[in-house]
């Protein structure tokens, strides 16, 4: 089931095979660059989700029972699949969401690297013995980690395979099985990944199941009594509903949500490097990344220089075909999203902001989804454009006068996902990074990542962590086991601590 041109109809993938939906509704998938519809998937029903959860539940005992060597080898075999099919999967990603092929292909190799990373963690995993003096050291206590069971994963459209696999890999490495509801904008790559893993890796059938659909299908996964842990990446408001569903079912939940990340440029910063970081943080990926550094705070001594340099750099950005490796910015993922981004820009102007560059759809691009890289000045930190996640190539550049002021402004947001600090003053760097309320802070760099380091947000940007050992721990629960070594009969009313 490789990519096919024309309007190809795809199906759910459950228990190692493609299955038809019990419903008749379908969702079209289009190429944002041209607007051409090239595929469709089912609008998943409650019965479809039931079937996927049942398959995951049935596969759980065998998968949970595999020893760590067997599970390690499965993860290694999955890594090979991503390496061998990187070109195909990258093209599928680009044809769904319009993101650059030059970004999507490296992501496929990053997934392979992630799989090998967690294979090594599984291989080295161990429990913990806790020394105690209870009963004069006559009790032995140890702790082990066990999977929750069936994990329900709901993922977004901006980096579908990478973000979906970040959840899947940790979940199955911990011994869980998985039911995946990908975004309705980008569902086909998940179906292709599932089929490839079934055909070419050692992953058993039923461990990874994919049900496509929009919000109703996602709600069926979130509310399903057969799901033991929920993991969601996406907007904060939907994340609240997923969290509410977890609460109703007394399930654990991992939420990786939105951001409105500050990029702070201090007087000692290298301006060219800082501007490069701003470009990387908000215009790369057309701004469609949760860590977008969309609030740029610049010290007043550098403000004019930074704005001028940023406008010059933005005007040189090459917009075009995302399948062309030379293209620097592609279209937004779909028309409704373009309209949302445009509405934020227009509202900002009505509120008093000035468009220093961009703000419109370029006349020489096809389709309806391109937006120029947009730079706004005369922005106040409490404006809507400076407080709401836009998820597009829009940045607000605001001046500040001193360190205390900018830290306060950086934290004046309900989000806390990421931040950038640009300074050559090491004491200042330590002070500011400790004061900023964010889960990830880059210093003199932006938007770099690595699997051994945890990722997640403060405040409304989420709950829990992904990646690293912390990401693995999100998908397993702790069991404490006590063993009496003495053989003595105690007073039944004596409690020891």
Protein backbone atom coordinates (compact mmCIF):
# COMPACT_ATOMS: atom_id res chain seq x y z
CA UNK A 1 0.00 0.00 0.00
CA UNK A 2 2.55 2.56 -1.13
CA UNK A 3 1.50 6.06 -2.11
CA UNK A 4 -0.72 6.07 -5.17
CA UNK A 5 -1.68 9.04 -7.30
CA UNK A 6 -5.34 9.72 -7.85
CA UNK A 7 -8.13 9.49 -5.30
CA UNK A 8 -7.14 6.28 -3.52
CA UNK A 9 -9.34 4.92 -0.73
CA UNK A 10 -7.51 3.72 2.38
CA UNK A 11 -8.88 1.71 5.30
CA UNK A 12 -8.22 1.29 9.03
CA UNK A 13 -5.34 -0.97 10.06
CA UNK A 14 -6.33 -3.33 12.88
CA UNK A 15 -4.72 -6.56 14.10
CA UNK A 16 -2.24 -6.71 11.24
CA UNK A 17 -4.59 -6.07 8.34
CA UNK A 18 -6.58 -3.38 6.56
CA UNK A 19 -10.24 -3.46 7.52
CA UNK A 20 -13.24 -1.56 6.24
CA UNK A 21 -15.08 0.82 8.51
CA UNK A 22 -18.54 0.04 9.81
CA UNK A 23 -19.53 3.55 8.69
CA UNK A 24 -19.89 5.07 5.23
CA UNK A 25 -18.37 8.54 5.75
CA UNK A 26 -14.93 9.32 4.38
CA UNK A 27 -12.40 12.12 4.84
CA UNK A 28 -10.47 13.53 1.88
CA UNK A 29 -6.70 14.04 2.05
CA UNK A 30 -5.21 16.80 -0.13
CA UNK A 31 -1.78 18.08 -1.13
CA UNK A 32 -1.58 21.62 0.34
CA UNK A 33 0.79 22.82 -2.37
CA UNK A 34 -1.76 22.38 -5.17
CA UNK A 35 -4.99 21.62 -3.34
CA UNK A 36 -5.32 18.32 -5.22
CA UNK A 37 -7.18 15.53 -3.39
CA UNK A 38 -5.21 12.31 -3.69
CA UNK A 39 -6.69 9.99 -1.09
CA UNK A 40 -9.37 9.40 1.51
CA UNK A 41 -9.78 7.52 4.78
CA UNK A 42 -12.78 6.33 6.80
CA UNK A 43 -14.46 8.45 9.44
CA UNK A 44 -13.99 5.99 12.29
CA UNK A 45 -16.99 4.84 14.31
CA UNK A 46 -17.39 3.61 17.88
CA UNK A 47 -17.51 0.06 16.51
CA UNK A 48 -14.21 0.61 14.65
CA UNK A 49 -12.54 1.83 17.85
CA UNK A 50 -14.00 -1.14 19.76
CA UNK A 51 -12.42 -3.51 17.26
CA UNK A 52 -9.03 -1.79 17.54
CA UNK A 53 -9.09 -1.80 21.34
CA UNK A 54 -10.14 -5.46 21.37
CA UNK A 55 -7.21 -6.33 19.08
CA UNK A 56 -4.80 -4.41 21.31
CA UNK A 57 -6.23 -6.08 24.41
CA UNK A 58 -5.88 -9.53 22.86
CA UNK A 59 -2.26 -8.89 21.84
CA UNK A 60 -1.31 -7.50 25.26
CA UNK A 61 -0.49 -10.66 27.26
CA UNK A 62 1.99 -12.01 24.72
CA UNK A 63 3.62 -8.62 24.12
CA UNK A 64 3.77 -7.77 27.82
CA UNK A 65 5.26 -11.19 28.50
CA UNK A 66 8.19 -10.82 26.11
CA UNK A 67 11.53 -10.55 27.84
CA UNK A 68 13.64 -7.45 27.36
CA UNK A 69 15.94 -9.11 24.80
CA UNK A 70 13.00 -10.05 22.59
CA UNK A 71 11.47 -6.58 22.87
CA UNK A 72 14.84 -4.96 22.14
CA UNK A 73 15.19 -7.00 18.96
CA UNK A 74 11.69 -6.00 17.80
CA UNK A 75 12.52 -2.31 18.23
CA UNK A 76 15.74 -2.79 16.28
CA UNK A 77 13.83 -4.45 13.43
CA UNK A 78 11.41 -1.53 13.37
CA UNK A 79 14.31 0.91 13.07
CA UNK A 80 15.50 -0.86 9.95
CA UNK A 81 12.06 -0.39 8.35
CA UNK A 82 12.26 3.37 8.80
CA UNK A 83 15.76 3.50 7.36
CA UNK A 84 14.77 1.47 4.31
CA UNK A 85 11.54 3.40 3.61
CA UNK A 86 12.65 6.92 4.52
CA UNK A 87 12.07 8.31 1.01
CA UNK A 88 8.55 6.93 0.67
CA UNK A 89 7.43 7.95 4.17
CA UNK A 90 8.91 11.43 3.82
CA UNK A 91 7.01 11.98 0.57
CA UNK A 92 3.79 10.81 2.20
CA UNK A 93 4.30 13.34 4.98
CA UNK A 94 4.88 16.20 2.54
CA UNK A 95 1.90 15.28 0.38
CA UNK A 96 -0.35 15.35 3.44
CA UNK A 97 0.73 18.54 5.21
CA UNK A 98 2.94 20.45 2.77
CA UNK A 99 5.99 20.52 5.03
CA UNK A 100 9.39 20.48 3.39
CA UNK A 101 10.79 17.20 2.15
CA UNK A 102 14.17 18.43 3.42
CA UNK A 103 12.69 18.32 6.94
CA UNK A 104 10.53 15.21 6.60
CA UNK A 105 13.22 12.83 5.35
CA UNK A 106 15.62 13.49 8.25
CA UNK A 107 12.68 12.88 10.59
CA UNK A 108 12.38 9.31 9.29
CA UNK A 109 16.00 8.62 10.19
CA UNK A 110 15.40 10.35 13.52
CA UNK A 111 12.61 7.83 14.21
CA UNK A 112 15.04 5.01 13.45
CA UNK A 113 17.54 6.55 15.85
CA UNK A 114 14.80 6.85 18.49
CA UNK A 115 13.91 3.18 18.12
CA UNK A 116 17.53 2.16 18.60
CA UNK A 117 17.79 4.49 21.61
CA UNK A 118 14.82 2.85 23.33
CA UNK A 119 16.04 -0.60 22.35
CA UNK A 120 19.16 0.16 24.37
CA UNK A 121 17.10 1.49 27.29
CA UNK A 122 14.94 -1.64 27.31
CA UNK A 123 18.04 -3.82 27.20
CA UNK A 124 19.55 -2.02 30.19
CA UNK A 125 16.31 -1.66 32.17
CA UNK A 126 16.30 -2.88 35.75
CA UNK A 127 14.23 -2.63 38.90
CA UNK A 128 15.28 -1.10 42.19
CA UNK A 129 16.01 -2.59 45.60
CA UNK A 130 15.12 -0.31 48.51
CA UNK A 131 17.08 -0.76 51.78
CA UNK A 132 14.83 -0.77 54.84
CA UNK A 133 15.28 -1.25 58.58
CA UNK A 134 11.73 -2.55 59.12
CA UNK A 135 11.73 -5.60 61.45
CA UNK A 136 15.43 -5.01 62.13
CA UNK A 137 16.26 -5.27 58.44
CA UNK A 138 14.23 -8.44 58.15
CA UNK A 139 12.15 -7.25 55.20
CA UNK A 140 13.27 -7.15 51.58
CA UNK A 141 11.60 -4.57 49.32
CA UNK A 142 12.01 -4.10 45.60
CA UNK A 143 10.32 -2.08 42.88
CA UNK A 144 9.49 -3.12 39.32
CA UNK A 145 7.84 -1.29 36.42
CA UNK A 146 4.93 -2.71 34.46
CA UNK A 147 2.93 -1.47 31.47
CA UNK A 148 -0.49 0.11 31.89
CA UNK A 149 -2.06 -2.07 29.20
CA UNK A 150 -3.70 -0.52 26.15
CA UNK A 151 -2.55 3.00 25.25
CA UNK A 152 -4.71 5.35 23.22
CA UNK A 153 -2.64 7.84 21.21
CA UNK A 154 -4.04 10.91 19.44
CA UNK A 155 -1.55 12.85 17.31
CA UNK A 156 -1.43 16.08 15.26
CA UNK A 157 -0.74 16.89 11.62
CA UNK A 158 2.46 18.94 11.75
CA UNK A 159 4.99 16.06 12.02
CA UNK A 160 2.68 13.03 11.92
CA UNK A 161 5.11 10.13 11.82
CA UNK A 162 7.69 11.61 14.17
CA UNK A 163 5.16 12.64 16.82
CA UNK A 164 3.14 9.46 16.45
CA UNK A 165 6.21 7.27 16.79
CA UNK A 166 7.43 9.24 19.82
CA UNK A 167 4.35 7.91 21.61
CA UNK A 168 4.21 4.46 20.05
CA UNK A 169 7.85 3.61 20.66
CA UNK A 170 7.80 4.51 24.36
CA UNK A 171 4.47 2.77 24.84
CA UNK A 172 5.49 -0.53 23.27
CA UNK A 173 9.00 -0.39 24.73
CA UNK A 174 7.30 -0.36 28.13
CA UNK A 175 5.20 -3.40 27.16
CA UNK A 176 1.90 -1.74 26.24
CA UNK A 177 -0.14 -2.18 23.07
CA UNK A 178 -1.37 0.82 21.09
CA UNK A 179 -4.46 2.25 19.40
CA UNK A 180 -3.59 5.28 17.27
CA UNK A 181 -5.96 7.97 16.03
CA UNK A 182 -3.89 10.23 13.74
CA UNK A 183 -5.02 13.66 12.62
CA UNK A 184 -7.70 13.65 9.94
CA UNK A 185 -5.44 15.93 7.85
CA UNK A 186 -2.53 13.47 7.82
CA UNK A 187 -3.74 9.91 8.44
CA UNK A 188 -2.22 8.01 5.53
CA UNK A 189 1.39 7.95 6.70
CA UNK A 190 0.30 6.27 9.96
CA UNK A 191 -1.54 3.59 7.98
CA UNK A 192 1.51 3.03 5.81
CA UNK A 193 3.81 2.81 8.83
CA UNK A 194 1.51 0.26 10.48
CA UNK A 195 1.41 -1.90 7.35
CA UNK A 196 5.19 -1.73 6.87
CA UNK A 197 5.85 -2.68 10.48
CA UNK A 198 3.44 -5.61 10.15
CA UNK A 199 5.01 -6.81 6.90
CA UNK A 200 8.71 -6.14 7.44
CA UNK A 201 9.45 -5.93 11.18
CA UNK A 202 9.03 -8.41 14.01
CA UNK A 203 6.26 -6.40 15.68
CA UNK A 204 3.38 -8.80 16.44
CA UNK A 205 -0.07 -8.16 14.98
CA UNK A 206 -2.40 -6.23 17.24
CA UNK A 207 0.34 -4.32 19.06
CA UNK A 208 -0.10 -1.28 16.78
CA UNK A 209 -3.56 -0.45 15.44
CA UNK A 210 -4.66 2.64 13.50
CA UNK A 211 -8.21 4.01 13.36
CA UNK A 212 -8.69 7.11 11.22
CA UNK A 213 -11.24 9.86 11.68
CA UNK A 214 -11.83 13.33 13.06
CA UNK A 215 -12.91 14.55 16.49
CA UNK A 216 -15.60 11.92 17.06
CA UNK A 217 -13.14 9.08 16.56
CA UNK A 218 -10.68 10.78 18.89
CA UNK A 219 -13.37 11.12 21.54
CA UNK A 220 -14.21 7.42 21.19
CA UNK A 221 -10.58 6.55 21.88
CA UNK A 222 -10.33 8.99 24.81
CA UNK A 223 -13.53 7.75 26.46
CA UNK A 224 -13.07 4.05 25.80
CA UNK A 225 -13.22 1.90 28.92
CA UNK A 226 -10.71 -0.51 27.41
CA UNK A 227 -7.97 2.14 27.18
CA UNK A 228 -5.66 2.31 30.21
CA UNK A 229 -3.47 5.33 29.38
CA UNK A 230 -4.04 8.31 27.08
CA UNK A 231 -1.38 10.25 25.22
CA UNK A 232 -2.26 13.36 23.22
CA UNK A 233 -0.29 15.96 21.29
CA UNK A 234 -2.15 18.98 19.96
CA UNK A 235 -3.99 22.12 20.95
CA UNK A 236 -4.55 22.97 24.59
CA UNK A 237 -8.34 23.14 24.43
CA UNK A 238 -8.64 19.64 22.95
CA UNK A 239 -6.04 18.54 25.48
CA UNK A 240 -8.35 19.65 28.27
CA UNK A 241 -11.09 17.37 26.91
CA UNK A 242 -8.68 14.44 26.67
CA UNK A 243 -7.61 15.11 30.27
CA UNK A 244 -11.26 15.21 31.36
CA UNK A 245 -11.87 11.84 29.70
CA UNK A 246 -8.85 10.39 31.49
CA UNK A 247 -10.22 11.71 34.77
CA UNK A 248 -13.62 10.12 34.21
CA UNK A 249 -12.02 6.72 33.62
CA UNK A 250 -9.32 7.17 36.30
CA UNK A 251 -6.63 6.80 33.62
CA UNK A 252 -3.18 8.30 33.52
CA UNK A 253 -2.54 10.81 30.75
CA UNK A 254 0.34 12.45 28.90
CA UNK A 255 -0.42 15.81 27.27
CA UNK A 256 2.00 17.67 24.97
CA UNK A 257 0.15 20.87 24.17
CA UNK A 258 0.56 24.36 22.76
CA UNK A 259 3.13 27.07 23.23
CA UNK A 260 3.78 30.78 22.83
CA UNK A 261 7.49 30.69 23.36
CA UNK A 262 9.64 33.76 24.03
CA UNK A 263 12.91 34.41 22.23
CA UNK A 264 14.95 36.94 24.24
CA UNK A 265 17.82 38.85 22.62
CA UNK A 266 20.07 40.61 25.15
CA UNK A 267 22.59 43.39 24.36
CA UNK A 268 25.58 41.03 24.36
CA UNK A 269 24.02 38.68 21.79
CA UNK A 270 25.50 38.01 18.38
CA UNK A 271 22.77 39.65 16.26
CA UNK A 272 23.31 37.52 13.14
CA UNK A 273 23.18 34.33 15.20
CA UNK A 274 20.11 35.52 17.12
CA UNK A 275 18.23 36.46 13.94
CA UNK A 276 19.13 33.08 12.49
CA UNK A 277 17.63 31.49 15.60
CA UNK A 278 14.46 33.54 15.27
CA UNK A 279 14.12 32.43 11.64
CA UNK A 280 14.69 28.83 12.68
CA UNK A 281 12.24 29.12 15.55
CA UNK A 282 9.25 30.59 13.73
CA UNK A 283 9.63 30.49 9.93
CA UNK A 284 11.08 27.01 9.54
CA UNK A 285 8.22 24.53 9.10
CA UNK A 286 6.07 27.57 8.22
CA UNK A 287 5.72 28.18 11.94
CA UNK A 288 3.75 24.95 12.34
CA UNK A 289 5.59 23.73 15.41
CA UNK A 290 4.56 23.80 19.05
CA UNK A 291 7.91 25.29 20.12
CA UNK A 292 7.73 28.22 17.67
CA UNK A 293 9.60 31.18 19.16
CA UNK A 294 6.83 33.54 18.14
CA UNK A 295 7.36 36.28 20.79
CA UNK A 296 10.70 37.95 20.12
CA UNK A 297 11.85 40.29 22.88
CA UNK A 298 14.79 42.48 21.81
CA UNK A 299 16.77 44.86 24.01
CA UNK A 300 16.04 48.42 22.98
CA UNK A 301 19.70 49.00 22.06
CA UNK A 302 19.44 46.31 19.34
CA UNK A 303 15.78 46.59 18.43
CA UNK A 304 16.05 48.56 15.16
CA UNK A 305 18.98 46.47 13.97
CA UNK A 306 17.22 43.18 14.70
CA UNK A 307 13.98 44.25 13.00
CA UNK A 308 15.84 45.50 9.94
CA UNK A 309 17.93 42.32 9.70
CA UNK A 310 14.92 40.09 10.27
CA UNK A 311 12.90 41.84 7.54
CA UNK A 312 15.81 41.52 5.14
CA UNK A 313 16.19 37.83 5.88
CA UNK A 314 12.44 37.17 5.66
CA UNK A 315 12.23 38.85 2.25
CA UNK A 316 14.80 36.37 0.91
CA UNK A 317 12.97 33.24 2.05
CA UNK A 318 12.23 30.92 -0.87
CA UNK A 319 8.58 29.84 -0.91
CA UNK A 320 7.56 27.04 -3.23
CA UNK A 321 7.11 23.34 -3.86
CA UNK A 322 7.80 21.49 -0.58
CA UNK A 323 9.02 18.48 -2.58
CA UNK A 324 11.83 20.66 -4.00
CA UNK A 325 14.88 20.35 -1.69
CA UNK A 326 15.74 24.01 -2.39
CA UNK A 327 12.45 25.35 -1.03
CA UNK A 328 12.78 27.04 2.38
CA UNK A 329 9.10 27.51 3.26
CA UNK A 330 6.11 25.57 2.03
CA UNK A 331 2.37 26.14 2.40
CA UNK A 332 0.30 25.87 5.54
CA UNK A 333 -1.31 22.49 6.01
CA UNK A 334 -4.89 23.28 4.94
CA UNK A 335 -7.12 26.19 3.96
CA UNK A 336 -9.01 26.54 7.24
CA UNK A 337 -5.71 26.83 9.06
CA UNK A 338 -4.53 29.51 6.60
CA UNK A 339 -7.68 31.49 7.34
CA UNK A 340 -7.05 31.23 11.09
CA UNK A 341 -3.48 32.53 10.68
CA UNK A 342 -4.67 35.39 8.45
CA UNK A 343 -7.38 36.31 10.96
CA UNK A 344 -4.76 36.59 13.73
CA UNK A 345 -2.67 38.93 11.57
CA UNK A 346 -5.64 41.13 10.64
CA UNK A 347 -6.80 41.31 14.27
CA UNK A 348 -3.31 42.31 15.36
CA UNK A 349 -3.33 45.22 12.90
CA UNK A 350 -6.75 46.28 14.16
CA UNK A 351 -5.32 46.22 17.70
CA UNK A 352 -2.49 48.56 16.72
CA UNK A 353 0.29 46.30 15.44
CA UNK A 354 2.29 47.14 12.31
CA UNK A 355 3.16 44.61 9.62
CA UNK A 356 6.89 45.16 9.07
CA UNK A 357 6.90 42.37 6.49
CA UNK A 358 4.51 39.78 5.07
CA UNK A 359 0.96 39.20 6.17
CA UNK A 360 -0.42 38.10 2.80
CA UNK A 361 -0.56 35.14 0.45
CA UNK A 362 2.14 35.47 -2.22
CA UNK A 363 0.70 36.05 -5.67
CA UNK A 364 3.11 33.71 -7.45
CA UNK A 365 2.34 30.49 -5.52
CA UNK A 366 -0.22 27.80 -6.39
CA UNK A 367 -3.10 26.65 -4.24
CA UNK A 368 -4.63 28.63 -1.39
CA UNK A 369 -2.38 27.81 1.57
CA UNK A 370 0.78 29.93 1.29
CA UNK A 371 1.47 32.69 3.80
CA UNK A 372 4.45 35.02 3.68
CA UNK A 373 6.82 35.01 6.65
CA UNK A 374 5.25 37.74 8.76
CA UNK A 375 6.91 40.19 11.16
CA UNK A 376 4.78 42.35 13.43
CA UNK A 377 6.02 45.38 15.37
CA UNK A 378 4.22 47.83 17.69
CA UNK A 379 2.86 44.82 19.57
CA UNK A 380 1.93 44.89 23.24
CA UNK A 381 2.51 41.72 25.23
CA UNK A 382 -1.16 41.51 26.26
CA UNK A 383 -2.50 41.62 22.69
CA UNK A 384 -4.23 38.51 21.41
CA UNK A 385 -1.51 37.99 18.78
CA UNK A 386 1.09 37.86 21.55
CA UNK A 387 -0.89 35.51 23.79
CA UNK A 388 -2.59 32.96 21.53
CA UNK A 389 -0.83 30.17 19.67
CA UNK A 390 -1.04 30.99 15.95
CA UNK A 391 0.85 27.96 14.59
CA UNK A 392 1.96 29.85 11.53
CA UNK A 393 4.90 31.95 10.26
CA UNK A 394 4.04 34.99 12.38
CA UNK A 395 6.35 36.63 14.92
CA UNK A 396 5.85 39.61 17.22
CA UNK A 397 9.00 41.69 17.85
CA UNK A 398 8.83 43.69 21.08
CA UNK A 399 11.47 45.89 22.78
CA UNK A 400 12.52 45.70 26.43
CA UNK A 401 14.83 47.76 28.62
CA UNK A 402 16.13 45.46 31.38
CA UNK A 403 16.42 41.85 32.47
CA UNK A 404 13.76 41.91 35.19
CA UNK A 405 11.23 43.43 32.81
CA UNK A 406 11.79 40.89 30.04
CA UNK A 407 11.65 37.88 32.36
CA UNK A 408 8.31 39.13 33.65
CA UNK A 409 7.02 39.60 30.10
CA UNK A 410 8.33 36.20 28.99
CA UNK A 411 6.35 34.55 31.79
CA UNK A 412 3.17 36.56 31.18
CA UNK A 413 1.51 33.77 29.23
CA UNK A 414 -0.56 30.72 30.07
CA UNK A 415 1.93 28.59 28.13
CA UNK A 416 5.32 27.28 29.16
CA UNK A 417 6.67 24.95 26.50
CA UNK A 418 9.96 26.47 25.33
CA UNK A 419 12.11 29.61 25.25
CA UNK A 420 15.28 30.98 23.66
CA UNK A 421 17.92 33.12 25.34
CA UNK A 422 20.54 34.99 23.31
CA UNK A 423 23.41 36.34 25.41
CA UNK A 424 27.16 36.05 25.89
CA UNK A 425 26.89 36.91 29.60
CA UNK A 426 27.10 33.59 31.45
CA UNK A 427 25.84 34.93 34.78
CA UNK A 428 22.85 36.42 33.00
CA UNK A 429 22.22 33.14 31.20
CA UNK A 430 22.04 31.24 34.49
CA UNK A 431 19.76 33.82 36.08
CA UNK A 432 17.35 34.03 33.16
CA UNK A 433 17.10 30.30 32.39
CA UNK A 434 16.29 29.63 36.06
CA UNK A 435 13.60 32.34 36.08
CA UNK A 436 11.78 31.46 32.84
CA UNK A 437 8.79 29.14 33.24
CA UNK A 438 9.28 26.66 30.38
CA UNK A 439 10.07 22.99 29.96
CA UNK A 440 12.82 23.51 27.35
CA UNK A 441 15.16 26.49 27.08
CA UNK A 442 17.75 26.93 24.37
CA UNK A 443 20.70 29.28 24.81
CA UNK A 444 22.25 30.79 21.65
CA UNK A 445 20.43 28.14 19.60
CA UNK A 446 16.83 27.18 18.87
CA UNK A 447 14.74 24.15 17.92
CA UNK A 448 17.28 21.40 18.39
CA UNK A 449 16.38 18.08 20.00
CA UNK A 450 17.78 14.73 21.10
CA UNK A 451 16.14 11.52 22.29
CA UNK A 452 18.17 11.25 25.53
CA UNK A 453 16.69 14.53 26.83
CA UNK A 454 13.10 14.90 28.16
CA UNK A 455 10.60 17.19 26.48
CA UNK A 456 7.39 18.70 27.81
CA UNK A 457 5.76 21.85 29.09
CA UNK A 458 4.85 23.90 32.13
CA UNK A 459 1.41 25.43 32.79
CA UNK A 460 -1.06 25.02 29.90
CA UNK A 461 1.62 23.49 27.70
CA UNK A 462 1.08 20.03 29.04
CA UNK A 463 1.38 17.25 31.59
CA UNK A 464 4.20 14.72 31.68
CA UNK A 465 7.31 14.31 29.57
CA UNK A 466 8.20 12.64 26.30
CA UNK A 467 11.59 11.32 25.14
CA UNK A 468 14.42 10.06 27.36
CA UNK A 469 13.84 7.70 30.30
CA UNK A 470 11.13 10.08 31.51
CA UNK A 471 9.19 9.38 28.32
CA UNK A 472 9.42 5.64 28.92
CA UNK A 473 8.24 6.10 32.51
CA UNK A 474 5.08 7.83 31.27
CA UNK A 475 3.89 4.49 29.90
CA UNK A 476 4.53 2.24 32.87
CA UNK A 477 3.37 1.99 36.45
CA UNK A 478 5.36 1.13 39.56
CA UNK A 479 4.84 -1.97 41.68
CA UNK A 480 6.39 -2.26 45.15
CA UNK A 481 6.97 -5.80 46.48
CA UNK A 482 7.66 -6.62 50.15
CA UNK A 483 9.10 -9.97 51.28
CA UNK A 484 9.59 -11.01 54.90
CA UNK A 485 12.96 -12.69 55.43
CA UNK A 486 12.58 -13.61 59.12
CA UNK A 487 9.77 -16.11 59.20
CA UNK A 488 8.69 -14.62 62.52
CA UNK A 489 5.03 -14.22 63.53
CA UNK A 490 4.32 -10.62 64.55
CA UNK A 491 1.75 -9.02 66.76
CA UNK A 492 -1.12 -8.52 64.24
CA UNK A 493 -1.84 -5.08 65.67
CA UNK A 494 1.73 -3.82 65.41
CA UNK A 495 2.36 -1.57 62.39
CA UNK A 496 5.97 -0.71 61.53
CA UNK A 497 7.32 2.12 59.38
